[in-house]
Amino acid sequence: MQQLLDKGSTKIDIIKRGRQQNELIISTLGASIIIHYAQVFLKLMSDKQLQDPLLTTQKVIDKALDHTSYDKEINTLLKEMSLKCDIHWRSHSFRATFITDLLQSQPMKTVSQIIVHSSICTTAIYDRYKL
């Protein structure tokens, strides 16, 4: 996280149709949002060690989520966080908002490549501003 904030980018593993590394780039606005919600992240980490991953299963808090349990576990955590912090978030909320916002300033083909959709038709579903 610190590298992302300091350098504006970091490499992350993406496990979707095989393991690959993608560069995660954060905007100035994105960094300011993370800093703004730092207390929320600290609440989420209250029962974990500093080196533990942020997003884990409820039962094994020192191991990162795998792709098979991601949706179920992340939505359980987000629901709990939503209740603690009075914010309504679910796993797909972040992706949908990111894609929708990106489509306001970038061509659909570029957005489709960034989010690794195999078909531009899938990306078009998120183009709510042109509906």
C-alpha atoms as a PDB file:
ATOM      1  CA  MET A   1       0.000   0.000   0.000  1.00  0.00           C
ATOM      2  CA  GLN A   2       2.786   2.400   0.909  1.00  0.00           C
ATOM      3  CA  GLN A   3       4.521   1.848  -2.445  1.00  0.00           C
ATOM      4  CA  LEU A   4       1.239   2.587  -4.209  1.00  0.00           C
ATOM      5  CA  LEU A   5       0.873   5.878  -2.317  1.00  0.00           C
ATOM      6  CA  ASP A   6       4.561   6.860  -2.584  1.00  0.00           C
ATOM      7  CA  LYS A   7       5.242   5.933  -6.231  1.00  0.00           C
ATOM      8  CA  GLY A   8       1.699   6.100  -7.615  1.00  0.00           C
ATOM      9  CA  SER A   9       1.841   2.481  -8.806  1.00  0.00           C
ATOM     10  CA  THR A  10       2.578  -1.064  -7.713  1.00  0.00           C
ATOM     11  CA  LYS A  11       2.437  -4.587  -9.186  1.00  0.00           C
ATOM     12  CA  ILE A  12      -0.403  -6.867  -8.114  1.00  0.00           C
ATOM     13  CA  ASP A  13      -1.166 -10.507  -8.878  1.00  0.00           C
ATOM     14  CA  ILE A  14      -4.309 -11.068 -10.908  1.00  0.00           C
ATOM     15  CA  ILE A  15      -5.681 -14.593 -10.798  1.00  0.00           C
ATOM     16  CA  LYS A  16      -8.168 -14.865 -13.630  1.00  0.00           C
ATOM     17  CA  ARG A  17      -7.633 -17.488 -16.297  1.00  0.00           C
ATOM     18  CA  GLY A  18      -4.129 -18.061 -14.889  1.00  0.00           C
ATOM     19  CA  ARG A  19      -1.812 -15.950 -12.755  1.00  0.00           C
ATOM     20  CA  GLN A  20      -0.459 -12.710 -14.183  1.00  0.00           C
ATOM     21  CA  GLN A  21       0.933  -9.478 -12.758  1.00  0.00           C
ATOM     22  CA  ASN A  22      -0.665  -6.169 -13.639  1.00  0.00           C
ATOM     23  CA  GLU A  23       0.462  -2.707 -12.733  1.00  0.00           C
ATOM     24  CA  LEU A  24      -1.937  -0.940 -10.404  1.00  0.00           C
ATOM     25  CA  ILE A  25      -1.775   2.819 -10.901  1.00  0.00           C
ATOM     26  CA  ILE A  26      -3.410   5.272  -8.551  1.00  0.00           C
ATOM     27  CA  SER A  27      -4.414   8.838  -9.318  1.00  0.00           C
ATOM     28  CA  THR A  28      -3.894  11.758  -6.963  1.00  0.00           C
ATOM     29  CA  LEU A  29      -7.622  11.624  -6.201  1.00  0.00           C
ATOM     30  CA  GLY A  30      -7.449   7.884  -5.524  1.00  0.00           C
ATOM     31  CA  ALA A  31      -4.525   8.366  -3.131  1.00  0.00           C
ATOM     32  CA  SER A  32      -6.387  11.114  -1.292  1.00  0.00           C
ATOM     33  CA  ILE A  33      -9.432   8.825  -0.915  1.00  0.00           C
ATOM     34  CA  ILE A  34      -7.253   6.067   0.572  1.00  0.00           C
ATOM     35  CA  ILE A  35      -5.683   8.551   2.965  1.00  0.00           C
ATOM     36  CA  HIS A  36      -9.138   9.910   3.855  1.00  0.00           C
ATOM     37  CA  TYR A  37     -10.391   6.416   4.704  1.00  0.00           C
ATOM     38  CA  ALA A  38      -7.210   5.390   6.552  1.00  0.00           C
ATOM     39  CA  GLN A  39      -9.156   5.118   9.812  1.00  0.00           C
ATOM     40  CA  VAL A  40     -11.612   2.718   8.157  1.00  0.00           C
ATOM     41  CA  PHE A  41      -8.725   0.487   7.054  1.00  0.00           C
ATOM     42  CA  LEU A  42      -7.248   0.635  10.570  1.00  0.00           C
ATOM     43  CA  LYS A  43     -10.587  -0.556  11.997  1.00  0.00           C
ATOM     44  CA  LEU A  44     -10.554  -3.454   9.541  1.00  0.00           C
ATOM     45  CA  MET A  45      -7.006  -4.351  10.596  1.00  0.00           C
ATOM     46  CA  SER A  46      -7.732  -4.155  14.340  1.00  0.00           C
ATOM     47  CA  ASP A  47      -7.608  -7.950  14.822  1.00  0.00           C
ATOM     48  CA  LYS A  48      -4.627  -8.523  12.506  1.00  0.00           C
ATOM     49  CA  GLN A  49      -0.872  -8.109  12.533  1.00  0.00           C
ATOM     50  CA  LEU A  50       0.705  -5.377  10.392  1.00  0.00           C
ATOM     51  CA  GLN A  51       2.196  -7.915   7.952  1.00  0.00           C
ATOM     52  CA  ASP A  52      -1.146  -9.764   7.516  1.00  0.00           C
ATOM     53  CA  PRO A  53      -3.097  -9.142   4.321  1.00  0.00           C
ATOM     54  CA  LEU A  54      -6.056  -6.757   4.641  1.00  0.00           C
ATOM     55  CA  LEU A  55      -8.532  -9.035   2.884  1.00  0.00           C
ATOM     56  CA  THR A  56      -8.610 -12.517   4.389  1.00  0.00           C
ATOM     57  CA  THR A  57     -11.204 -15.090   5.293  1.00  0.00           C
ATOM     58  CA  GLN A  58     -12.876 -14.719   8.679  1.00  0.00           C
ATOM     59  CA  LYS A  59     -11.336 -17.988   9.898  1.00  0.00           C
ATOM     60  CA  VAL A  60      -7.756 -17.645   8.604  1.00  0.00           C
ATOM     61  CA  ILE A  61      -6.702 -14.023   9.074  1.00  0.00           C
ATOM     62  CA  ASP A  62      -3.054 -14.431   8.064  1.00  0.00           C
ATOM     63  CA  LYS A  63      -3.730 -15.846   4.561  1.00  0.00           C
ATOM     64  CA  ALA A  64      -4.969 -13.761   1.634  1.00  0.00           C
ATOM     65  CA  LEU A  65      -8.231 -14.696  -0.054  1.00  0.00           C
ATOM     66  CA  ASP A  66      -8.052 -17.042  -3.004  1.00  0.00           C
ATOM     67  CA  HIS A  67     -10.194 -16.444  -6.067  1.00  0.00           C
ATOM     68  CA  THR A  68     -12.660 -19.215  -5.247  1.00  0.00           C
ATOM     69  CA  SER A  69     -13.823 -17.653  -1.983  1.00  0.00           C
ATOM     70  CA  TYR A  70     -13.339 -14.004  -2.942  1.00  0.00           C
ATOM     71  CA  ASP A  71     -16.921 -12.882  -3.577  1.00  0.00           C
ATOM     72  CA  LYS A  72     -18.396 -14.608  -0.559  1.00  0.00           C
ATOM     73  CA  GLU A  73     -15.684 -13.514   1.855  1.00  0.00           C
ATOM     74  CA  ILE A  74     -15.220  -9.972   0.572  1.00  0.00           C
ATOM     75  CA  ASN A  75     -18.927  -9.284   0.684  1.00  0.00           C
ATOM     76  CA  THR A  76     -19.089 -10.609   4.244  1.00  0.00           C
ATOM     77  CA  LEU A  77     -16.264  -8.254   5.228  1.00  0.00           C
ATOM     78  CA  LEU A  78     -17.723  -5.317   3.333  1.00  0.00           C
ATOM     79  CA  LYS A  79     -21.126  -5.850   4.916  1.00  0.00           C
ATOM     80  CA  GLU A  80     -19.510  -5.819   8.353  1.00  0.00           C
ATOM     81  CA  MET A  81     -17.498  -2.713   7.447  1.00  0.00           C
ATOM     82  CA  SER A  82     -20.619  -1.040   6.059  1.00  0.00           C
ATOM     83  CA  LEU A  83     -22.344  -1.507   9.393  1.00  0.00           C
ATOM     84  CA  LYS A  84     -19.331  -0.214  11.382  1.00  0.00           C
ATOM     85  CA  CYS A  85     -18.707   2.790   9.141  1.00  0.00           C
ATOM     86  CA  ASP A  86     -22.196   3.580   7.829  1.00  0.00           C
ATOM     87  CA  ILE A  87     -21.089   3.027   4.204  1.00  0.00           C
ATOM     88  CA  HIS A  88     -22.812   0.665   1.738  1.00  0.00           C
ATOM     89  CA  TRP A  89     -20.114  -1.217  -0.194  1.00  0.00           C
ATOM     90  CA  ARG A  90     -20.092  -4.573  -1.969  1.00  0.00           C
ATOM     91  CA  SER A  91     -17.323  -6.238  -3.981  1.00  0.00           C
ATOM     92  CA  HIS A  92     -18.562  -5.268  -7.416  1.00  0.00           C
ATOM     93  CA  SER A  93     -19.298  -1.675  -6.338  1.00  0.00           C
ATOM     94  CA  PHE A  94     -15.640  -0.678  -6.691  1.00  0.00           C
ATOM     95  CA  ARG A  95     -15.138  -2.240 -10.116  1.00  0.00           C
ATOM     96  CA  ALA A  96     -18.390  -0.879 -11.534  1.00  0.00           C
ATOM     97  CA  THR A  97     -17.693   2.633 -10.265  1.00  0.00           C
ATOM     98  CA  PHE A  98     -14.109   2.536 -11.548  1.00  0.00           C
ATOM     99  CA  ILE A  99     -15.150   1.354 -15.011  1.00  0.00           C
ATOM    100  CA  THR A 100     -18.055   3.817 -15.258  1.00  0.00           C
ATOM    101  CA  ASP A 101     -15.845   6.734 -14.194  1.00  0.00           C
ATOM    102  CA  LEU A 102     -13.025   5.702 -16.519  1.00  0.00           C
ATOM    103  CA  LEU A 103     -15.408   5.576 -19.472  1.00  0.00           C
ATOM    104  CA  GLN A 104     -16.126   9.285 -18.989  1.00  0.00           C
ATOM    105  CA  SER A 105     -12.576  10.191 -19.994  1.00  0.00           C
ATOM    106  CA  GLN A 106     -11.159   7.230 -21.954  1.00  0.00           C
ATOM    107  CA  PRO A 107     -12.160   5.417 -25.150  1.00  0.00           C
ATOM    108  CA  MET A 108     -14.031   2.175 -24.570  1.00  0.00           C
ATOM    109  CA  LYS A 109     -11.296   0.097 -26.232  1.00  0.00           C
ATOM    110  CA  THR A 110      -8.685   1.514 -23.825  1.00  0.00           C
ATOM    111  CA  VAL A 111     -10.896   0.839 -20.801  1.00  0.00           C
ATOM    112  CA  SER A 112     -11.570  -2.702 -22.009  1.00  0.00           C
ATOM    113  CA  GLN A 113      -7.805  -3.339 -22.192  1.00  0.00           C
ATOM    114  CA  ILE A 114      -7.138  -1.797 -18.770  1.00  0.00           C
ATOM    115  CA  ILE A 115      -9.737  -3.951 -17.033  1.00  0.00           C
ATOM    116  CA  VAL A 116      -8.839  -7.029 -19.089  1.00  0.00           C
ATOM    117  CA  HIS A 117     -12.229  -7.750 -20.639  1.00  0.00           C
ATOM    118  CA  SER A 118     -11.924 -10.256 -23.472  1.00  0.00           C
ATOM    119  CA  SER A 119     -14.800  -8.557 -25.305  1.00  0.00           C
ATOM    120  CA  ILE A 120     -15.475  -4.841 -25.700  1.00  0.00           C
ATOM    121  CA  CYS A 121     -19.186  -5.755 -25.486  1.00  0.00           C
ATOM    122  CA  THR A 122     -18.687  -6.584 -21.809  1.00  0.00           C
ATOM    123  CA  THR A 123     -17.150  -3.154 -21.221  1.00  0.00           C
ATOM    124  CA  ALA A 124     -20.056  -1.524 -23.060  1.00  0.00           C
ATOM    125  CA  ILE A 125     -22.419  -2.747 -20.335  1.00  0.00           C
ATOM    126  CA  TYR A 126     -20.774  -0.251 -17.965  1.00  0.00           C
ATOM    127  CA  ASP A 127     -21.137   2.703 -20.333  1.00  0.00           C
ATOM    128  CA  ARG A 128     -24.052   4.180 -18.382  1.00  0.00           C
ATOM    129  CA  TYR A 129     -23.411   7.715 -19.575  1.00  0.00           C
ATOM    130  CA  LYS A 130     -24.306   6.823 -23.155  1.00  0.00           C
ATOM    131  CA  LEU A 131     -27.452   4.804 -22.441  1.00  0.00           C
END
